[in-house]
PDB file of N, CA and C in Angstrom:
ATOM      1  N   UNK A   1     113.393 108.209 112.154  1.00  0.00           N
ATOM      2  CA  UNK A   1     112.701 109.309 111.523  1.00  0.00           C
ATOM      3  C   UNK A   1     113.713 110.240 110.858  1.00  0.00           C
ATOM      4  N   UNK A   2     114.108 109.864 109.662  1.00  0.00           N
ATOM      5  CA  UNK A   2     115.026 110.682 108.903  1.00  0.00           C
ATOM      6  C   UNK A   2     114.350 112.012 108.556  1.00  0.00           C
ATOM      7  N   UNK A   3     114.950 113.133 108.915  1.00  0.00           N
ATOM      8  CA  UNK A   3     114.313 114.431 108.661  1.00  0.00           C
ATOM      9  C   UNK A   3     114.133 114.730 107.169  1.00  0.00           C
ATOM     10  N   UNK A   4     114.855 114.033 106.314  1.00  0.00           N
ATOM     11  CA  UNK A   4     114.719 114.224 104.872  1.00  0.00           C
ATOM     12  C   UNK A   4     113.570 113.413 104.280  1.00  0.00           C
ATOM     13  N   UNK A   5     113.013 112.472 105.052  1.00  0.00           N
ATOM     14  CA  UNK A   5     111.898 111.670 104.557  1.00  0.00           C
ATOM     15  C   UNK A   5     110.685 112.573 104.369  1.00  0.00           C
ATOM     16  N   UNK A   6     109.953 112.327 103.300  1.00  0.00           N
ATOM     17  CA  UNK A   6     108.847 113.215 102.928  1.00  0.00           C
ATOM     18  C   UNK A   6     107.472 112.704 103.386  1.00  0.00           C
ATOM     19  N   UNK A   7     107.444 111.683 104.227  1.00  0.00           N
ATOM     20  CA  UNK A   7     106.180 111.067 104.626  1.00  0.00           C
ATOM     21  C   UNK A   7     105.191 112.082 105.190  1.00  0.00           C
ATOM     22  N   UNK A   8     105.615 112.873 106.171  1.00  0.00           N
ATOM     23  CA  UNK A   8     104.683 113.795 106.829  1.00  0.00           C
ATOM     24  C   UNK A   8     104.246 114.917 105.895  1.00  0.00           C
ATOM     25  N   UNK A   9     105.128 115.353 105.006  1.00  0.00           N
ATOM     26  CA  UNK A   9     104.748 116.365 104.017  1.00  0.00           C
ATOM     27  C   UNK A   9     103.692 115.804 103.068  1.00  0.00           C
ATOM     28  N   UNK A  10     103.908 114.579 102.617  1.00  0.00           N
ATOM     29  CA  UNK A  10     102.961 113.937 101.693  1.00  0.00           C
ATOM     30  C   UNK A  10     101.619 113.737 102.376  1.00  0.00           C
ATOM     31  N   UNK A  11     101.629 113.162 103.571  1.00  0.00           N
ATOM     32  CA  UNK A  11     100.391 112.910 104.290  1.00  0.00           C
ATOM     33  C   UNK A  11      99.657 114.223 104.574  1.00  0.00           C
ATOM     34  N   UNK A  12     100.385 115.239 104.954  1.00  0.00           N
ATOM     35  CA  UNK A  12      99.779 116.538 105.209  1.00  0.00           C
ATOM     36  C   UNK A  12      99.096 117.105 103.977  1.00  0.00           C
ATOM     37  N   UNK A  13      99.747 116.986 102.834  1.00  0.00           N
ATOM     38  CA  UNK A  13      99.163 117.496 101.589  1.00  0.00           C
ATOM     39  C   UNK A  13      97.927 116.692 101.203  1.00  0.00           C
ATOM     40  N   UNK A  14      97.997 115.378 101.338  1.00  0.00           N
ATOM     41  CA  UNK A  14      96.869 114.513 100.987  1.00  0.00           C
ATOM     42  C   UNK A  14      95.655 114.811 101.869  1.00  0.00           C
ATOM     43  N   UNK A  15      95.895 114.998 103.159  1.00  0.00           N
ATOM     44  CA  UNK A  15      94.806 115.197 104.118  1.00  0.00           C
ATOM     45  C   UNK A  15      94.489 116.666 104.382  1.00  0.00           C
ATOM     46  N   UNK A  16      95.246 117.557 103.756  1.00  0.00           N
ATOM     47  CA  UNK A  16      95.074 118.986 103.964  1.00  0.00           C
ATOM     48  C   UNK A  16      95.231 119.354 105.446  1.00  0.00           C
ATOM     49  N   UNK A  17      96.282 118.833 106.034  1.00  0.00           N
ATOM     50  CA  UNK A  17      96.596 119.064 107.449  1.00  0.00           C
ATOM     51  C   UNK A  17      98.064 119.473 107.577  1.00  0.00           C
ATOM     52  N   UNK A  18      98.391 120.116 108.668  1.00  0.00           N
ATOM     53  CA  UNK A  18      99.772 120.483 108.954  1.00  0.00           C
ATOM     54  C   UNK A  18     100.376 119.444 109.883  1.00  0.00           C
ATOM     55  N   UNK A  19     101.109 118.503 109.300  1.00  0.00           N
ATOM     56  CA  UNK A  19     101.756 117.465 110.093  1.00  0.00           C
ATOM     57  C   UNK A  19     103.176 117.855 110.493  1.00  0.00           C
ATOM     58  N   UNK A  20     103.587 119.053 110.169  1.00  0.00           N
ATOM     59  CA  UNK A  20     104.927 119.509 110.527  1.00  0.00           C
ATOM     60  C   UNK A  20     104.876 120.086 111.934  1.00  0.00           C
ATOM     61  N   UNK A  21     104.512 119.222 112.874  1.00  0.00           N
ATOM     62  CA  UNK A  21     104.273 119.652 114.247  1.00  0.00           C
ATOM     63  C   UNK A  21     104.821 118.601 115.201  1.00  0.00           C
ATOM     64  N   UNK A  22     104.470 118.710 116.450  1.00  0.00           N
ATOM     65  CA  UNK A  22     104.980 117.804 117.480  1.00  0.00           C
ATOM     66  C   UNK A  22     104.441 116.379 117.285  1.00  0.00           C
ATOM     67  N   UNK A  23     105.082 115.444 117.901  1.00  0.00           N
ATOM     68  CA  UNK A  23     104.654 114.045 117.857  1.00  0.00           C
ATOM     69  C   UNK A  23     103.238 113.918 118.404  1.00  0.00           C
ATOM     70  N   UNK A  24     102.939 114.617 119.485  1.00  0.00           N
ATOM     71  CA  UNK A  24     101.592 114.550 120.074  1.00  0.00           C
ATOM     72  C   UNK A  24     100.536 115.060 119.094  1.00  0.00           C
ATOM     73  N   UNK A  25     100.814 116.156 118.421  1.00  0.00           N
ATOM     74  CA  UNK A  25      99.866 116.684 117.438  1.00  0.00           C
ATOM     75  C   UNK A  25      99.707 115.744 116.249  1.00  0.00           C
ATOM     76  N   UNK A  26     100.790 115.096 115.847  1.00  0.00           N
ATOM     77  CA  UNK A  26     100.708 114.114 114.765  1.00  0.00           C
ATOM     78  C   UNK A  26      99.775 112.975 115.164  1.00  0.00           C
ATOM     79  N   UNK A  27      99.889 112.533 116.406  1.00  0.00           N
ATOM     80  CA  UNK A  27      99.006 111.457 116.892  1.00  0.00           C
ATOM     81  C   UNK A  27      97.540 111.885 116.847  1.00  0.00           C
ATOM     82  N   UNK A  28      97.278 113.115 117.256  1.00  0.00           N
ATOM     83  CA  UNK A  28      95.905 113.638 117.227  1.00  0.00           C
ATOM     84  C   UNK A  28      95.369 113.646 115.796  1.00  0.00           C
ATOM     85  N   UNK A  29      96.182 114.124 114.859  1.00  0.00           N
ATOM     86  CA  UNK A  29      95.748 114.193 113.467  1.00  0.00           C
ATOM     87  C   UNK A  29      95.556 112.808 112.857  1.00  0.00           C
ATOM     88  N   UNK A  30      96.426 111.865 113.207  1.00  0.00           N
ATOM     89  CA  UNK A  30      96.263 110.496 112.712  1.00  0.00           C
ATOM     90  C   UNK A  30      94.954 109.893 113.234  1.00  0.00           C
ATOM     91  N   UNK A  31      94.672 110.103 114.498  1.00  0.00           N
ATOM     92  CA  UNK A  31      93.411 109.599 115.070  1.00  0.00           C
ATOM     93  C   UNK A  31      92.213 110.262 114.403  1.00  0.00           C
ATOM     94  N   UNK A  32      92.309 111.554 114.169  1.00  0.00           N
ATOM     95  CA  UNK A  32      91.221 112.294 113.526  1.00  0.00           C
ATOM     96  C   UNK A  32      90.857 111.670 112.180  1.00  0.00           C
ATOM     97  N   UNK A  33      91.855 111.223 111.447  1.00  0.00           N
ATOM     98  CA  UNK A  33      91.636 110.652 110.110  1.00  0.00           C
ATOM     99  C   UNK A  33      91.568 109.118 110.133  1.00  0.00           C
ATOM    100  N   UNK A  34      91.585 108.549 111.330  1.00  0.00           N
ATOM    101  CA  UNK A  34      91.501 107.086 111.502  1.00  0.00           C
ATOM    102  C   UNK A  34      92.598 106.363 110.737  1.00  0.00           C
ATOM    103  N   UNK A  35      93.829 106.844 110.933  1.00  0.00           N
ATOM    104  CA  UNK A  35      95.002 106.254 110.293  1.00  0.00           C
ATOM    105  C   UNK A  35      95.880 105.656 111.377  1.00  0.00           C
ATOM    106  N   UNK A  36      96.266 104.405 111.165  1.00  0.00           N
ATOM    107  CA  UNK A  36      97.204 103.734 112.066  1.00  0.00           C
ATOM    108  C   UNK A  36      98.536 103.587 111.351  1.00  0.00           C
ATOM    109  N   UNK A  37      99.612 103.861 112.041  1.00  0.00           N
ATOM    110  CA  UNK A  37     100.942 103.614 111.499  1.00  0.00           C
ATOM    111  C   UNK A  37     101.482 102.352 112.157  1.00  0.00           C
ATOM    112  N   UNK A  38     102.076 101.498 111.348  1.00  0.00           N
ATOM    113  CA  UNK A  38     102.529 100.208 111.850  1.00  0.00           C
ATOM    114  C   UNK A  38     103.736  99.778 111.053  1.00  0.00           C
ATOM    115  N   UNK A  39     104.742  99.282 111.725  1.00  0.00           N
ATOM    116  CA  UNK A  39     105.933  98.797 111.035  1.00  0.00           C
ATOM    117  C   UNK A  39     105.824  97.291 110.851  1.00  0.00           C
ATOM    118  N   UNK A  40     106.064  96.811 109.660  1.00  0.00           N
ATOM    119  CA  UNK A  40     106.033  95.379 109.371  1.00  0.00           C
ATOM    120  C   UNK A  40     107.087  94.663 110.220  1.00  0.00           C
ATOM    121  N   UNK A  41     108.203  95.310 110.433  1.00  0.00           N
ATOM    122  CA  UNK A  41     109.349  94.707 111.116  1.00  0.00           C
ATOM    123  C   UNK A  41     109.329  95.046 112.607  1.00  0.00           C
ATOM    124  N   UNK A  42     109.390  93.996 113.426  1.00  0.00           N
ATOM    125  CA  UNK A  42     109.477  94.200 114.877  1.00  0.00           C
ATOM    126  C   UNK A  42     110.928  94.384 115.307  1.00  0.00           C
ATOM    127  N   UNK A  43     111.816  93.584 114.732  1.00  0.00           N
ATOM    128  CA  UNK A  43     113.234  93.741 115.052  1.00  0.00           C
ATOM    129  C   UNK A  43     114.073  93.380 113.824  1.00  0.00           C
ATOM    130  N   UNK A  44     115.194  94.090 113.716  1.00  0.00           N
ATOM    131  CA  UNK A  44     116.086  93.880 112.585  1.00  0.00           C
ATOM    132  C   UNK A  44     117.460  94.428 112.931  1.00  0.00           C
ATOM    133  N   UNK A  45     118.395  94.149 112.053  1.00  0.00           N
ATOM    134  CA  UNK A  45     119.693  94.799 112.091  1.00  0.00           C
ATOM    135  C   UNK A  45     119.768  95.640 110.828  1.00  0.00           C
ATOM    136  N   UNK A  46     120.299  96.840 110.956  1.00  0.00           N
ATOM    137  CA  UNK A  46     120.407  97.709 109.789  1.00  0.00           C
ATOM    138  C   UNK A  46     121.614  98.613 109.954  1.00  0.00           C
ATOM    139  N   UNK A  47     122.309  98.818 108.844  1.00  0.00           N
ATOM    140  CA  UNK A  47     123.449  99.743 108.842  1.00  0.00           C
ATOM    141  C   UNK A  47     122.967 101.029 108.192  1.00  0.00           C
ATOM    142  N   UNK A  48     123.015 102.118 108.920  1.00  0.00           N
ATOM    143  CA  UNK A  48     122.525 103.382 108.385  1.00  0.00           C
ATOM    144  C   UNK A  48     121.013 103.356 108.285  1.00  0.00           C
ATOM    145  N   UNK A  49     120.473 103.940 107.213  1.00  0.00           N
ATOM    146  CA  UNK A  49     119.022 103.969 107.062  1.00  0.00           C
ATOM    147  C   UNK A  49     118.587 103.369 105.726  1.00  0.00           C
ATOM    148  N   UNK A  50     119.486 102.689 105.057  1.00  0.00           N
ATOM    149  CA  UNK A  50     119.166 102.108 103.753  1.00  0.00           C
ATOM    150  C   UNK A  50     118.411 100.795 103.918  1.00  0.00           C
ATOM    151  N   UNK A  51     117.254 100.686 103.262  1.00  0.00           N
ATOM    152  CA  UNK A  51     116.465  99.453 103.308  1.00  0.00           C
ATOM    153  C   UNK A  51     117.253  98.247 102.821  1.00  0.00           C
ATOM    154  N   UNK A  52     118.140  98.462 101.880  1.00  0.00           N
ATOM    155  CA  UNK A  52     118.922  97.356 101.341  1.00  0.00           C
ATOM    156  C   UNK A  52     119.844  96.746 102.390  1.00  0.00           C
ATOM    157  N   UNK A  53     120.098  97.466 103.447  1.00  0.00           N
ATOM    158  CA  UNK A  53     120.977  96.990 104.523  1.00  0.00           C
ATOM    159  C   UNK A  53     120.213  96.335 105.682  1.00  0.00           C
ATOM    160  N   UNK A  54     118.905  96.173 105.528  1.00  0.00           N
ATOM    161  CA  UNK A  54     118.064  95.622 106.588  1.00  0.00           C
ATOM    162  C   UNK A  54     118.149  94.093 106.613  1.00  0.00           C
ATOM    163  N   UNK A  55     118.427  93.543 107.778  1.00  0.00           N
ATOM    164  CA  UNK A  55     118.413  92.096 107.982  1.00  0.00           C
ATOM    165  C   UNK A  55     117.292  91.810 108.977  1.00  0.00           C
ATOM    166  N   UNK A  56     116.230  91.195 108.476  1.00  0.00           N
ATOM    167  CA  UNK A  56     115.040  90.933 109.284  1.00  0.00           C
ATOM    168  C   UNK A  56     115.329  89.923 110.384  1.00  0.00           C
ATOM    169  N   UNK A  57     114.852  90.215 111.573  1.00  0.00           N
ATOM    170  CA  UNK A  57     114.937  89.288 112.700  1.00  0.00           C
ATOM    171  C   UNK A  57     113.549  88.772 113.073  1.00  0.00           C
ATOM    172  N   UNK A  58     112.560  89.681 113.111  1.00  0.00           N
ATOM    173  CA  UNK A  58     111.214  89.286 113.545  1.00  0.00           C
ATOM    174  C   UNK A  58     110.167  90.237 112.962  1.00  0.00           C
ATOM    175  N   UNK A  59     109.021  89.655 112.567  1.00  0.00           N
ATOM    176  CA  UNK A  59     107.892  90.446 112.080  1.00  0.00           C
ATOM    177  C   UNK A  59     107.017  90.888 113.246  1.00  0.00           C
ATOM    178  N   UNK A  60     106.331  92.011 113.086  1.00  0.00           N
ATOM    179  CA  UNK A  60     105.301  92.419 114.029  1.00  0.00           C
ATOM    180  C   UNK A  60     104.052  91.562 113.811  1.00  0.00           C
ATOM    181  N   UNK A  61     103.214  91.482 114.814  1.00  0.00           N
ATOM    182  CA  UNK A  61     102.007  90.654 114.768  1.00  0.00           C
ATOM    183  C   UNK A  61     100.840  91.449 114.188  1.00  0.00           C
ATOM    184  N   UNK A  62     100.794  91.518 112.876  1.00  0.00           N
ATOM    185  CA  UNK A  62      99.741  92.305 112.236  1.00  0.00           C
ATOM    186  C   UNK A  62      98.393  91.609 112.333  1.00  0.00           C
ATOM    187  N   UNK A  63      98.383  90.282 112.442  1.00  0.00           N
ATOM    188  CA  UNK A  63      97.107  89.579 112.566  1.00  0.00           C
ATOM    189  C   UNK A  63      96.356  90.042 113.808  1.00  0.00           C
ATOM    190  N   UNK A  64      97.065  90.236 114.911  1.00  0.00           N
ATOM    191  CA  UNK A  64      96.437  90.721 116.142  1.00  0.00           C
ATOM    192  C   UNK A  64      95.812  92.094 115.906  1.00  0.00           C
ATOM    193  N   UNK A  65      96.562  92.963 115.262  1.00  0.00           N
ATOM    194  CA  UNK A  65      96.063  94.313 114.987  1.00  0.00           C
ATOM    195  C   UNK A  65      94.808  94.259 114.128  1.00  0.00           C
ATOM    196  N   UNK A  66      94.819  93.444 113.082  1.00  0.00           N
ATOM    197  CA  UNK A  66      93.663  93.354 112.185  1.00  0.00           C
ATOM    198  C   UNK A  66      92.454  92.737 112.871  1.00  0.00           C
ATOM    199  N   UNK A  67      92.688  91.773 113.743  1.00  0.00           N
ATOM    200  CA  UNK A  67      91.587  91.121 114.468  1.00  0.00           C
ATOM    201  C   UNK A  67      90.942  92.042 115.495  1.00  0.00           C
ATOM    202  N   UNK A  68      91.669  93.066 115.927  1.00  0.00           N
ATOM    203  CA  UNK A  68      91.185  93.931 117.007  1.00  0.00           C
ATOM    204  C   UNK A  68      90.993  95.383 116.575  1.00  0.00           C
ATOM    205  N   UNK A  69      90.739  95.575 115.307  1.00  0.00           N
ATOM    206  CA  UNK A  69      90.521  96.934 114.802  1.00  0.00           C
ATOM    207  C   UNK A  69      89.644  96.875 113.551  1.00  0.00           C
ATOM    208  N   UNK A  70      89.355  98.038 113.020  1.00  0.00           N
ATOM    209  CA  UNK A  70      88.502  98.147 111.830  1.00  0.00           C
ATOM    210  C   UNK A  70      89.310  98.699 110.655  1.00  0.00           C
ATOM    211  N   UNK A  71      90.428  98.080 110.375  1.00  0.00           N
ATOM    212  CA  UNK A  71      91.300  98.535 109.294  1.00  0.00           C
ATOM    213  C   UNK A  71      90.711  98.121 107.960  1.00  0.00           C
ATOM    214  N   UNK A  72      90.642  99.069 107.039  1.00  0.00           N
ATOM    215  CA  UNK A  72      90.026  98.835 105.730  1.00  0.00           C
ATOM    216  C   UNK A  72      91.042  98.535 104.641  1.00  0.00           C
ATOM    217  N   UNK A  73      92.263  99.020 104.787  1.00  0.00           N
ATOM    218  CA  UNK A  73      93.301  98.815 103.779  1.00  0.00           C
ATOM    219  C   UNK A  73      94.664  99.088 104.408  1.00  0.00           C
ATOM    220  N   UNK A  74      95.674  98.527 103.781  1.00  0.00           N
ATOM    221  CA  UNK A  74      97.052  98.723 104.229  1.00  0.00           C
ATOM    222  C   UNK A  74      97.835  99.322 103.070  1.00  0.00           C
ATOM    223  N   UNK A  75      98.568 100.391 103.360  1.00  0.00           N
ATOM    224  CA  UNK A  75      99.398 101.057 102.367  1.00  0.00           C
ATOM    225  C   UNK A  75     100.844 100.947 102.827  1.00  0.00           C
ATOM    226  N   UNK A  76     101.644 100.305 102.014  1.00  0.00           N
ATOM    227  CA  UNK A  76     103.033 100.022 102.379  1.00  0.00           C
ATOM    228  C   UNK A  76     103.957 101.030 101.708  1.00  0.00           C
ATOM    229  N   UNK A  77     104.760 101.688 102.516  1.00  0.00           N
ATOM    230  CA  UNK A  77     105.597 102.789 102.079  1.00  0.00           C
ATOM    231  C   UNK A  77     106.892 102.253 101.472  1.00  0.00           C
ATOM    232  N   UNK A  78     106.851 101.954 100.176  1.00  0.00           N
ATOM    233  CA  UNK A  78     108.046 101.531  99.449  1.00  0.00           C
ATOM    234  C   UNK A  78     108.108 100.042  99.164  1.00  0.00           C
ATOM    235  N   UNK A  79     109.023  99.690  98.271  1.00  0.00           N
ATOM    236  CA  UNK A  79     109.158  98.313  97.798  1.00  0.00           C
ATOM    237  C   UNK A  79     109.632  97.360  98.894  1.00  0.00           C
ATOM    238  N   UNK A  80     110.516  97.815  99.759  1.00  0.00           N
ATOM    239  CA  UNK A  80     111.044  96.934 100.808  1.00  0.00           C
ATOM    240  C   UNK A  80     109.930  96.542 101.781  1.00  0.00           C
ATOM    241  N   UNK A  81     109.166  97.523 102.250  1.00  0.00           N
ATOM    242  CA  UNK A  81     108.048  97.232 103.164  1.00  0.00           C
ATOM    243  C   UNK A  81     107.034  96.321 102.489  1.00  0.00           C
ATOM    244  N   UNK A  82     106.743  96.587 101.215  1.00  0.00           N
ATOM    245  CA  UNK A  82     105.792  95.763 100.471  1.00  0.00           C
ATOM    246  C   UNK A  82     106.301  94.329 100.349  1.00  0.00           C
ATOM    247  N   UNK A  83     107.546  94.172  99.980  1.00  0.00           N
ATOM    248  CA  UNK A  83     108.127  92.832  99.832  1.00  0.00           C
ATOM    249  C   UNK A  83     108.136  92.054 101.127  1.00  0.00           C
ATOM    250  N   UNK A  84     108.520  92.712 102.211  1.00  0.00           N
ATOM    251  CA  UNK A  84     108.523  92.044 103.523  1.00  0.00           C
ATOM    252  C   UNK A  84     107.108  91.655 103.927  1.00  0.00           C
ATOM    253  N   UNK A  85     106.166  92.568 103.746  1.00  0.00           N
ATOM    254  CA  UNK A  85     104.778  92.298 104.096  1.00  0.00           C
ATOM    255  C   UNK A  85     104.242  91.124 103.277  1.00  0.00           C
ATOM    256  N   UNK A  86     104.436  91.181 101.983  1.00  0.00           N
ATOM    257  CA  UNK A  86     103.881  90.159 101.107  1.00  0.00           C
ATOM    258  C   UNK A  86     104.520  88.789 101.346  1.00  0.00           C
ATOM    259  N   UNK A  87     105.788  88.755 101.723  1.00  0.00           N
ATOM    260  CA  UNK A  87     106.442  87.464 101.957  1.00  0.00           C
ATOM    261  C   UNK A  87     105.894  86.758 103.194  1.00  0.00           C
ATOM    262  N   UNK A  88     105.321  87.508 104.111  1.00  0.00           N
ATOM    263  CA  UNK A  88     104.808  86.924 105.360  1.00  0.00           C
ATOM    264  C   UNK A  88     103.279  86.935 105.432  1.00  0.00           C
ATOM    265  N   UNK A  89     102.637  87.969 104.873  1.00  0.00           N
ATOM    266  CA  UNK A  89     101.208  88.178 105.109  1.00  0.00           C
ATOM    267  C   UNK A  89     100.356  88.201 103.841  1.00  0.00           C
ATOM    268  N   UNK A  90     100.806  87.620 102.760  1.00  0.00           N
ATOM    269  CA  UNK A  90     100.066  87.701 101.495  1.00  0.00           C
ATOM    270  C   UNK A  90      98.691  87.038 101.566  1.00  0.00           C
ATOM    271  N   UNK A  91      98.481  86.180 102.553  1.00  0.00           N
ATOM    272  CA  UNK A  91      97.193  85.494 102.684  1.00  0.00           C
ATOM    273  C   UNK A  91      96.180  86.278 103.519  1.00  0.00           C
ATOM    274  N   UNK A  92      96.561  87.449 103.993  1.00  0.00           N
ATOM    275  CA  UNK A  92      95.658  88.265 104.806  1.00  0.00           C
ATOM    276  C   UNK A  92      94.505  88.758 103.942  1.00  0.00           C
ATOM    277  N   UNK A  93      93.314  88.703 104.500  1.00  0.00           N
ATOM    278  CA  UNK A  93      92.108  89.068 103.770  1.00  0.00           C
ATOM    279  C   UNK A  93      91.799  90.558 103.926  1.00  0.00           C
ATOM    280  N   UNK A  94      92.654  91.383 103.355  1.00  0.00           N
ATOM    281  CA  UNK A  94      92.476  92.833 103.367  1.00  0.00           C
ATOM    282  C   UNK A  94      93.223  93.397 102.164  1.00  0.00           C
ATOM    283  N   UNK A  95      92.718  94.467 101.602  1.00  0.00           N
ATOM    284  CA  UNK A  95      93.418  95.108 100.490  1.00  0.00           C
ATOM    285  C   UNK A  95      94.711  95.726 101.000  1.00  0.00           C
ATOM    286  N   UNK A  96      95.785  95.473 100.261  1.00  0.00           N
ATOM    287  CA  UNK A  96      97.043  96.138 100.589  1.00  0.00           C
ATOM    288  C   UNK A  96      97.707  96.592  99.295  1.00  0.00           C
ATOM    289  N   UNK A  97      98.447  97.710  99.410  1.00  0.00           N
ATOM    290  CA  UNK A  97      98.967  98.390  98.232  1.00  0.00           C
ATOM    291  C   UNK A  97     100.411  98.817  98.444  1.00  0.00           C
ATOM    292  N   UNK A  98     101.207  98.684  97.395  1.00  0.00           N
ATOM    293  CA  UNK A  98     102.574  99.207  97.419  1.00  0.00           C
ATOM    294  C   UNK A  98     102.519 100.664  96.983  1.00  0.00           C
ATOM    295  N   UNK A  99     102.973 101.531  97.843  1.00  0.00           N
ATOM    296  CA  UNK A  99     103.011 102.960  97.551  1.00  0.00           C
ATOM    297  C   UNK A  99     104.469 103.360  97.283  1.00  0.00           C
ATOM    298  N   UNK A 100     104.663 104.402  96.495  1.00  0.00           N
ATOM    299  CA  UNK A 100     106.043 104.845  96.274  1.00  0.00           C
ATOM    300  C   UNK A 100     106.654 105.337  97.581  1.00  0.00           C
ATOM    301  N   UNK A 101     107.879 104.974  97.792  1.00  0.00           N
ATOM    302  CA  UNK A 101     108.574 105.357  99.017  1.00  0.00           C
ATOM    303  C   UNK A 101     108.672 106.868  99.148  1.00  0.00           C
ATOM    304  N   UNK A 102     108.449 107.342 100.355  1.00  0.00           N
ATOM    305  CA  UNK A 102     108.587 108.767 100.639  1.00  0.00           C
ATOM    306  C   UNK A 102     110.023 109.131 101.018  1.00  0.00           C
ATOM    307  N   UNK A 103     110.901 108.152 100.992  1.00  0.00           N
ATOM    308  CA  UNK A 103     112.303 108.397 101.307  1.00  0.00           C
ATOM    309  C   UNK A 103     112.905 109.397 100.329  1.00  0.00           C
ATOM    310  N   UNK A 104     113.790 110.223 100.836  1.00  0.00           N
ATOM    311  CA  UNK A 104     114.478 111.175  99.955  1.00  0.00           C
ATOM    312  C   UNK A 104     115.379 110.439  98.966  1.00  0.00           C
ATOM    313  N   UNK A 105     115.699 109.191  99.246  1.00  0.00           N
ATOM    314  CA  UNK A 105     116.507 108.390  98.321  1.00  0.00           C
ATOM    315  C   UNK A 105     115.716 107.997  97.070  1.00  0.00           C
ATOM    316  N   UNK A 106     114.401 108.128  97.125  1.00  0.00           N
ATOM    317  CA  UNK A 106     113.543 107.806  95.984  1.00  0.00           C
ATOM    318  C   UNK A 106     113.460 109.028  95.062  1.00  0.00           C
ATOM    319  N   UNK A 107     114.515 109.255  94.314  1.00  0.00           N
ATOM    320  CA  UNK A 107     114.600 110.438  93.445  1.00  0.00           C
ATOM    321  C   UNK A 107     113.660 110.344  92.247  1.00  0.00           C
ATOM    322  N   UNK A 108     113.145 109.159  91.970  1.00  0.00           N
ATOM    323  CA  UNK A 108     112.226 108.962  90.848  1.00  0.00           C
ATOM    324  C   UNK A 108     110.914 109.730  91.050  1.00  0.00           C
ATOM    325  N   UNK A 109     110.566 109.981  92.322  1.00  0.00           N
ATOM    326  CA  UNK A 109     109.313 110.665  92.653  1.00  0.00           C
ATOM    327  C   UNK A 109     109.603 111.989  93.345  1.00  0.00           C
ATOM    328  N   UNK A 110     109.235 113.091  92.679  1.00  0.00           N
ATOM    329  CA  UNK A 110     109.323 114.368  93.366  1.00  0.00           C
ATOM    330  C   UNK A 110     108.116 114.485  94.304  1.00  0.00           C
ATOM    331  N   UNK A 111     108.078 115.523  95.100  1.00  0.00           N
ATOM    332  CA  UNK A 111     107.017 115.680  96.099  1.00  0.00           C
ATOM    333  C   UNK A 111     105.635 115.704  95.446  1.00  0.00           C
ATOM    334  N   UNK A 112     105.500 116.423  94.349  1.00  0.00           N
ATOM    335  CA  UNK A 112     104.206 116.526  93.665  1.00  0.00           C
ATOM    336  C   UNK A 112     103.714 115.153  93.184  1.00  0.00           C
ATOM    337  N   UNK A 113     104.600 114.370  92.630  1.00  0.00           N
ATOM    338  CA  UNK A 113     104.224 113.039  92.137  1.00  0.00           C
ATOM    339  C   UNK A 113     103.881 112.099  93.300  1.00  0.00           C
ATOM    340  N   UNK A 114     104.631 112.198  94.394  1.00  0.00           N
ATOM    341  CA  UNK A 114     104.316 111.399  95.582  1.00  0.00           C
ATOM    342  C   UNK A 114     102.916 111.718  96.087  1.00  0.00           C
ATOM    343  N   UNK A 115     102.607 112.991  96.199  1.00  0.00           N
ATOM    344  CA  UNK A 115     101.287 113.412  96.689  1.00  0.00           C
ATOM    345  C   UNK A 115     100.202 112.864  95.780  1.00  0.00           C
ATOM    346  N   UNK A 116     100.414 112.940  94.493  1.00  0.00           N
ATOM    347  CA  UNK A 116      99.438 112.421  93.537  1.00  0.00           C
ATOM    348  C   UNK A 116      99.201 110.929  93.740  1.00  0.00           C
ATOM    349  N   UNK A 117     100.257 110.173  93.910  1.00  0.00           N
ATOM    350  CA  UNK A 117     100.130 108.723  94.119  1.00  0.00           C
ATOM    351  C   UNK A 117      99.481 108.396  95.469  1.00  0.00           C
ATOM    352  N   UNK A 118      99.898 109.094  96.506  1.00  0.00           N
ATOM    353  CA  UNK A 118      99.387 108.824  97.851  1.00  0.00           C
ATOM    354  C   UNK A 118      97.940 109.288  98.029  1.00  0.00           C
ATOM    355  N   UNK A 119      97.431 110.093  97.120  1.00  0.00           N
ATOM    356  CA  UNK A 119      96.022 110.494  97.174  1.00  0.00           C
ATOM    357  C   UNK A 119      95.089 109.286  97.110  1.00  0.00           C
ATOM    358  N   UNK A 120      95.597 108.156  96.658  1.00  0.00           N
ATOM    359  CA  UNK A 120      94.782 106.936  96.552  1.00  0.00           C
ATOM    360  C   UNK A 120      94.244 106.476  97.905  1.00  0.00           C
ATOM    361  N   UNK A 121      94.899 106.896  98.987  1.00  0.00           N
ATOM    362  CA  UNK A 121      94.443 106.457 100.305  1.00  0.00           C
ATOM    363  C   UNK A 121      93.098 107.063 100.667  1.00  0.00           C
ATOM    364  N   UNK A 122      92.759 108.203 100.051  1.00  0.00           N
ATOM    365  CA  UNK A 122      91.543 108.924 100.427  1.00  0.00           C
ATOM    366  C   UNK A 122      90.275 108.096 100.231  1.00  0.00           C
ATOM    367  N   UNK A 123      90.233 107.215  99.259  1.00  0.00           N
ATOM    368  CA  UNK A 123      89.010 106.448  99.039  1.00  0.00           C
ATOM    369  C   UNK A 123      88.778 105.395 100.122  1.00  0.00           C
ATOM    370  N   UNK A 124      89.752 105.191 100.995  1.00  0.00           N
ATOM    371  CA  UNK A 124      89.607 104.225 102.081  1.00  0.00           C
ATOM    372  C   UNK A 124      89.369 104.888 103.440  1.00  0.00           C
ATOM    373  N   UNK A 125      89.408 106.210 103.480  1.00  0.00           N
ATOM    374  CA  UNK A 125      89.221 106.919 104.752  1.00  0.00           C
ATOM    375  C   UNK A 125      87.761 107.263 104.973  1.00  0.00           C
TER     376      UNK A 125
END
C-alpha cells in the first residue's frame, strides 16, 4: 500500500465517501457499496513497487470467487493487472475492464482525469 497511490482518493470521489480512514472503516465502506478487492497475483517476486519488476509465481483462484459470489464486473487497476488477468482468465464469462492505474507513477492521469475514468464503475454497482 504505497501512500502515494491514489486508489482510495479516486474510489472515495467516485462513491462520494471518505476512504481516508482506517482499514476497518474501508472494509465497511467497500461492503456498503458491494465492492470486492482482489489481487490477480497470489505470489510473485518484485523489486521495489514497480510493476515492470514483477515476476509472477502463482495466480489467485478467481474462478472460485466468481462461482461463490454475485460479481457483475471486474475492473483492473492498470495495464499490468489487466495483462496478467487477460493472459490467464480471458475466457471468464464476465465483463472486465482495464482502468487507468491509480499509481503515482502514472503521470499521464491527474487525479481529476482518474476520477472521471473510474466513474465507469458506477453503472455496475
